[in-house]
């Protein structure tokens, strides 16, 4: 089953430390196991645009659609046997400590 893993900031998380950032180990592990499909970090919210259509009019605004101290910093698409495996993969990601991880099952069009 595929899962979208949103990697987000969290002002209440433990402070970032370069020594504790094991992203290279995490990436090597999930790639070697064939769990990781794709992923990347995202540019800061200052570079974001929100796009909406309202009554036939295109509205483009700067930034994210919410006022928040938390923001999505990256994403990964995982192929896991089940939710338990996806949770274990997410828990091993350094941003589970320095931020937060949101997992959502992909809901394919069928």
N, C-alpha and C. Protein backbone atom coordinates (compact mmCIF):
# COMPACT_ATOMS: atom_id res chain seq x y z
N UNK A 1 0.84 -1.17 0.00
CA UNK A 1 0.00 0.00 0.00
C UNK A 1 0.89 1.24 0.00
N UNK A 2 0.47 2.23 -0.75
CA UNK A 2 1.24 3.47 -0.81
C UNK A 2 0.75 4.47 0.24
N UNK A 3 1.73 5.18 0.79
CA UNK A 3 1.46 6.22 1.78
C UNK A 3 2.20 7.49 1.39
N UNK A 4 1.52 8.62 1.55
CA UNK A 4 2.17 9.92 1.42
C UNK A 4 2.61 10.30 2.82
N UNK A 5 3.88 10.64 2.95
CA UNK A 5 4.43 11.04 4.24
C UNK A 5 4.79 12.52 4.14
N UNK A 6 4.03 13.35 4.85
CA UNK A 6 4.31 14.78 4.89
C UNK A 6 5.29 15.02 6.04
N UNK A 7 6.38 15.68 5.74
CA UNK A 7 7.40 16.02 6.73
C UNK A 7 7.17 17.49 7.07
N UNK A 8 6.86 17.78 8.33
CA UNK A 8 6.47 19.13 8.70
C UNK A 8 7.26 19.63 9.90
N UNK A 9 7.31 20.94 10.00
CA UNK A 9 7.92 21.57 11.17
C UNK A 9 6.96 21.48 12.33
N UNK A 10 7.47 21.65 13.53
CA UNK A 10 6.65 21.64 14.74
C UNK A 10 7.39 22.45 15.80
N UNK A 11 6.86 23.63 16.16
CA UNK A 11 7.57 24.47 17.13
C UNK A 11 7.68 23.83 18.52
N UNK A 12 6.92 22.78 18.79
CA UNK A 12 6.97 22.14 20.10
C UNK A 12 7.90 20.92 20.11
N UNK A 13 8.54 20.63 18.99
CA UNK A 13 9.44 19.48 18.91
C UNK A 13 10.77 19.81 19.57
N UNK A 14 11.58 18.77 19.77
CA UNK A 14 12.90 19.01 20.34
C UNK A 14 13.73 19.85 19.36
N UNK A 15 14.64 20.65 19.86
CA UNK A 15 15.45 21.49 18.97
C UNK A 15 16.29 20.65 18.00
N UNK A 16 16.46 21.16 16.80
CA UNK A 16 17.25 20.47 15.79
C UNK A 16 18.70 20.39 16.23
N UNK A 17 19.31 19.24 15.97
CA UNK A 17 20.75 19.10 16.18
C UNK A 17 21.31 18.32 15.00
N UNK A 18 22.38 18.86 14.43
CA UNK A 18 23.01 18.20 13.28
C UNK A 18 23.50 16.80 13.65
N UNK A 19 23.96 16.63 14.88
CA UNK A 19 24.45 15.32 15.32
C UNK A 19 23.34 14.27 15.33
N UNK A 20 22.13 14.68 15.63
CA UNK A 20 21.00 13.74 15.69
C UNK A 20 20.29 13.56 14.37
N UNK A 21 20.69 14.31 13.35
CA UNK A 21 20.04 14.24 12.05
C UNK A 21 20.63 13.09 11.25
N UNK A 22 19.94 11.95 11.25
CA UNK A 22 20.41 10.75 10.57
C UNK A 22 19.69 10.52 9.25
N UNK A 23 19.38 11.60 8.53
CA UNK A 23 18.60 11.46 7.30
C UNK A 23 19.29 10.58 6.26
N UNK A 24 20.62 10.64 6.20
CA UNK A 24 21.32 9.79 5.23
C UNK A 24 21.13 8.31 5.55
N UNK A 25 21.20 7.97 6.84
CA UNK A 25 20.98 6.58 7.25
C UNK A 25 19.55 6.15 6.96
N UNK A 26 18.60 7.03 7.27
CA UNK A 26 17.19 6.74 7.02
C UNK A 26 16.97 6.48 5.53
N UNK A 27 17.49 7.38 4.70
CA UNK A 27 17.31 7.25 3.25
C UNK A 27 17.93 5.96 2.73
N UNK A 28 19.13 5.64 3.18
CA UNK A 28 19.79 4.41 2.73
C UNK A 28 18.97 3.19 3.13
N UNK A 29 18.42 3.19 4.34
CA UNK A 29 17.63 2.06 4.82
C UNK A 29 16.36 1.87 3.99
N UNK A 30 15.58 2.94 3.81
CA UNK A 30 14.31 2.79 3.10
C UNK A 30 14.52 2.50 1.62
N UNK A 31 15.61 3.01 1.04
CA UNK A 31 15.91 2.69 -0.36
C UNK A 31 16.34 1.23 -0.50
N UNK A 32 17.18 0.75 0.41
CA UNK A 32 17.64 -0.64 0.31
C UNK A 32 16.51 -1.64 0.52
N UNK A 33 15.51 -1.26 1.29
CA UNK A 33 14.36 -2.14 1.53
C UNK A 33 13.30 -2.02 0.46
N UNK A 34 13.44 -1.07 -0.46
CA UNK A 34 12.46 -0.89 -1.53
C UNK A 34 11.17 -0.24 -1.07
N UNK A 35 11.21 0.43 0.07
CA UNK A 35 10.03 1.08 0.64
C UNK A 35 9.84 2.49 0.08
N UNK A 36 10.93 3.16 -0.23
CA UNK A 36 10.89 4.55 -0.66
C UNK A 36 10.65 4.62 -2.16
N UNK A 37 9.63 5.37 -2.58
CA UNK A 37 9.31 5.54 -4.00
C UNK A 37 9.88 6.87 -4.51
N UNK A 38 9.61 7.94 -3.77
CA UNK A 38 10.03 9.27 -4.19
C UNK A 38 9.91 10.21 -3.01
N UNK A 39 10.67 11.28 -3.02
CA UNK A 39 10.56 12.28 -1.98
C UNK A 39 11.54 13.40 -2.21
N UNK A 40 11.30 14.50 -1.51
CA UNK A 40 12.18 15.64 -1.60
C UNK A 40 11.79 16.66 -0.55
N UNK A 41 12.67 17.60 -0.32
CA UNK A 41 12.34 18.71 0.56
C UNK A 41 11.63 19.76 -0.29
N UNK A 42 10.97 20.69 0.36
CA UNK A 42 10.23 21.75 -0.32
C UNK A 42 10.82 23.11 0.04
N UNK A 43 10.71 24.04 -0.88
CA UNK A 43 11.15 25.41 -0.63
C UNK A 43 10.33 26.00 0.52
N UNK A 44 10.82 27.04 1.18
CA UNK A 44 10.10 27.65 2.31
C UNK A 44 8.73 28.21 1.91
N UNK A 45 7.88 28.42 2.91
CA UNK A 45 6.52 28.92 2.66
C UNK A 45 6.53 30.27 1.96
N UNK A 46 7.59 31.03 2.10
CA UNK A 46 7.67 32.33 1.42
C UNK A 46 7.65 32.17 -0.10
N UNK A 47 8.01 30.98 -0.59
CA UNK A 47 8.01 30.72 -2.03
C UNK A 47 6.72 30.06 -2.52
N UNK A 48 5.78 29.83 -1.62
CA UNK A 48 4.55 29.12 -1.97
C UNK A 48 3.53 30.06 -2.61
N UNK A 49 2.65 29.49 -3.39
CA UNK A 49 1.49 30.18 -3.97
C UNK A 49 0.27 29.32 -3.69
N UNK A 50 -0.83 29.96 -3.38
CA UNK A 50 -2.10 29.27 -3.24
C UNK A 50 -2.96 29.66 -4.44
N UNK A 51 -3.50 28.66 -5.12
CA UNK A 51 -4.27 28.87 -6.34
C UNK A 51 -5.71 28.42 -6.10
N UNK A 52 -6.64 29.30 -6.43
CA UNK A 52 -8.07 28.99 -6.28
C UNK A 52 -8.84 29.53 -7.49
N UNK A 53 -9.93 28.88 -7.80
CA UNK A 53 -10.89 29.39 -8.78
C UNK A 53 -12.18 29.66 -8.04
N UNK A 54 -12.67 30.89 -8.12
CA UNK A 54 -13.92 31.28 -7.46
C UNK A 54 -14.77 32.04 -8.46
N UNK A 55 -15.95 31.47 -8.74
CA UNK A 55 -16.89 32.07 -9.67
C UNK A 55 -16.22 32.41 -10.99
N UNK A 56 -15.39 31.49 -11.50
CA UNK A 56 -14.73 31.66 -12.77
C UNK A 56 -13.51 32.56 -12.74
N UNK A 57 -13.14 33.09 -11.58
CA UNK A 57 -12.00 33.99 -11.46
C UNK A 57 -10.82 33.26 -10.81
N UNK A 58 -9.64 33.40 -11.41
CA UNK A 58 -8.42 32.83 -10.88
C UNK A 58 -7.88 33.73 -9.78
N UNK A 59 -7.66 33.15 -8.61
CA UNK A 59 -7.09 33.89 -7.48
C UNK A 59 -5.78 33.22 -7.09
N UNK A 60 -4.70 33.97 -7.13
CA UNK A 60 -3.38 33.47 -6.76
C UNK A 60 -2.87 34.37 -5.64
N UNK A 61 -2.55 33.75 -4.50
CA UNK A 61 -2.04 34.52 -3.37
C UNK A 61 -0.70 33.96 -2.94
N UNK A 62 0.08 34.80 -2.29
CA UNK A 62 1.38 34.38 -1.79
C UNK A 62 1.22 33.52 -0.54
N UNK A 63 2.11 32.57 -0.40
CA UNK A 63 2.18 31.78 0.83
C UNK A 63 1.19 30.65 0.90
N UNK A 64 1.21 29.97 2.04
CA UNK A 64 0.28 28.85 2.25
C UNK A 64 -1.12 29.37 2.53
N UNK A 65 -2.08 28.46 2.53
CA UNK A 65 -3.47 28.85 2.71
C UNK A 65 -3.86 29.06 4.17
N UNK A 66 -2.98 28.75 5.11
CA UNK A 66 -3.29 28.94 6.52
C UNK A 66 -2.22 29.77 7.20
N UNK A 67 -2.61 30.43 8.25
CA UNK A 67 -1.66 31.12 9.11
C UNK A 67 -1.25 30.12 10.17
N UNK A 68 0.00 29.69 10.14
CA UNK A 68 0.44 28.65 11.05
C UNK A 68 1.93 28.77 11.29
N UNK A 69 2.38 28.32 12.45
CA UNK A 69 3.81 28.26 12.73
C UNK A 69 4.39 26.94 12.23
N UNK A 70 3.52 26.02 11.84
CA UNK A 70 3.95 24.74 11.28
C UNK A 70 3.77 24.80 9.77
N UNK A 71 4.67 24.16 9.05
CA UNK A 71 4.55 24.11 7.59
C UNK A 71 5.18 22.83 7.07
N UNK A 72 4.73 22.42 5.90
CA UNK A 72 5.24 21.20 5.29
C UNK A 72 6.60 21.50 4.69
N UNK A 73 7.60 20.76 5.13
CA UNK A 73 8.98 20.98 4.70
C UNK A 73 9.42 20.01 3.62
N UNK A 74 8.70 18.90 3.47
CA UNK A 74 9.07 17.91 2.47
C UNK A 74 8.04 16.80 2.42
N UNK A 75 8.31 15.83 1.56
CA UNK A 75 7.38 14.72 1.39
C UNK A 75 8.15 13.48 0.98
N UNK A 76 7.55 12.35 1.22
CA UNK A 76 8.05 11.07 0.73
C UNK A 76 6.85 10.21 0.37
N UNK A 77 6.97 9.44 -0.67
CA UNK A 77 5.96 8.45 -1.02
C UNK A 77 6.56 7.09 -0.69
N UNK A 78 5.83 6.35 0.11
CA UNK A 78 6.30 5.04 0.59
C UNK A 78 5.43 3.93 0.04
N UNK A 79 6.02 2.79 -0.17
CA UNK A 79 5.29 1.57 -0.54
C UNK A 79 5.53 0.58 0.59
N UNK A 80 4.52 0.41 1.43
CA UNK A 80 4.66 -0.43 2.63
C UNK A 80 3.64 -1.55 2.62
N UNK A 81 3.95 -2.60 3.35
CA UNK A 81 3.04 -3.75 3.43
C UNK A 81 1.74 -3.36 4.13
N UNK A 82 1.85 -2.48 5.14
CA UNK A 82 0.68 -2.09 5.90
C UNK A 82 0.99 -0.82 6.69
N UNK A 83 0.00 -0.35 7.43
CA UNK A 83 0.15 0.87 8.21
C UNK A 83 1.24 0.74 9.27
N UNK A 84 1.36 -0.43 9.88
CA UNK A 84 2.40 -0.62 10.89
C UNK A 84 3.80 -0.39 10.33
N UNK A 85 4.05 -0.91 9.13
CA UNK A 85 5.35 -0.68 8.52
C UNK A 85 5.55 0.80 8.19
N UNK A 86 4.51 1.47 7.69
CA UNK A 86 4.61 2.89 7.37
C UNK A 86 4.90 3.71 8.63
N UNK A 87 4.29 3.36 9.74
CA UNK A 87 4.53 4.05 11.00
C UNK A 87 5.97 3.83 11.45
N UNK A 88 6.47 2.62 11.31
CA UNK A 88 7.86 2.34 11.71
C UNK A 88 8.84 3.14 10.85
N UNK A 89 8.58 3.24 9.55
CA UNK A 89 9.43 4.02 8.65
C UNK A 89 9.39 5.50 9.06
N UNK A 90 8.20 6.02 9.31
CA UNK A 90 8.05 7.43 9.69
C UNK A 90 8.72 7.71 11.04
N UNK A 91 8.59 6.80 11.97
CA UNK A 91 9.17 6.99 13.31
C UNK A 91 10.69 7.06 13.26
N UNK A 92 11.31 6.41 12.28
CA UNK A 92 12.76 6.41 12.16
C UNK A 92 13.29 7.66 11.47
N UNK A 93 12.42 8.44 10.84
CA UNK A 93 12.84 9.66 10.14
C UNK A 93 13.23 10.71 11.19
N UNK A 94 14.34 11.45 10.98
CA UNK A 94 14.76 12.43 12.00
C UNK A 94 13.72 13.50 12.28
N UNK A 95 12.87 13.82 11.32
CA UNK A 95 11.85 14.85 11.57
C UNK A 95 10.73 14.35 12.47
N UNK A 96 10.69 13.07 12.78
CA UNK A 96 9.75 12.60 13.79
C UNK A 96 10.16 13.17 15.16
N UNK A 97 11.45 13.48 15.32
CA UNK A 97 11.95 14.10 16.55
C UNK A 97 11.99 15.62 16.45
N UNK A 98 12.47 16.14 15.32
CA UNK A 98 12.69 17.58 15.16
C UNK A 98 11.49 18.32 14.60
N UNK A 99 10.48 17.61 14.19
CA UNK A 99 9.27 18.19 13.61
C UNK A 99 8.12 17.24 13.86
N UNK A 100 7.40 16.93 12.80
CA UNK A 100 6.34 15.94 12.89
C UNK A 100 6.14 15.31 11.52
N UNK A 101 5.59 14.12 11.53
CA UNK A 101 5.33 13.38 10.30
C UNK A 101 3.84 13.08 10.23
N UNK A 102 3.25 13.35 9.08
CA UNK A 102 1.86 12.96 8.86
C UNK A 102 1.85 11.89 7.78
N UNK A 103 1.19 10.79 8.05
CA UNK A 103 1.03 9.69 7.07
C UNK A 103 -0.40 9.66 6.58
N UNK A 104 -0.55 9.53 5.26
CA UNK A 104 -1.89 9.33 4.69
C UNK A 104 -1.82 8.25 3.64
N UNK A 105 -2.74 7.28 3.72
CA UNK A 105 -2.80 6.29 2.65
C UNK A 105 -3.19 6.98 1.35
N UNK A 106 -2.57 6.57 0.25
CA UNK A 106 -2.95 7.08 -1.06
C UNK A 106 -4.30 6.46 -1.40
N UNK A 107 -5.19 7.26 -1.95
CA UNK A 107 -6.55 6.81 -2.31
C UNK A 107 -6.65 6.83 -3.84
N UNK A 108 -6.23 5.74 -4.48
CA UNK A 108 -6.15 5.75 -5.96
C UNK A 108 -7.51 5.86 -6.62
N UNK A 109 -7.50 6.50 -7.78
CA UNK A 109 -8.69 6.51 -8.64
C UNK A 109 -8.79 5.12 -9.26
N UNK A 110 -9.96 4.53 -9.17
CA UNK A 110 -10.12 3.19 -9.76
C UNK A 110 -11.43 3.11 -10.50
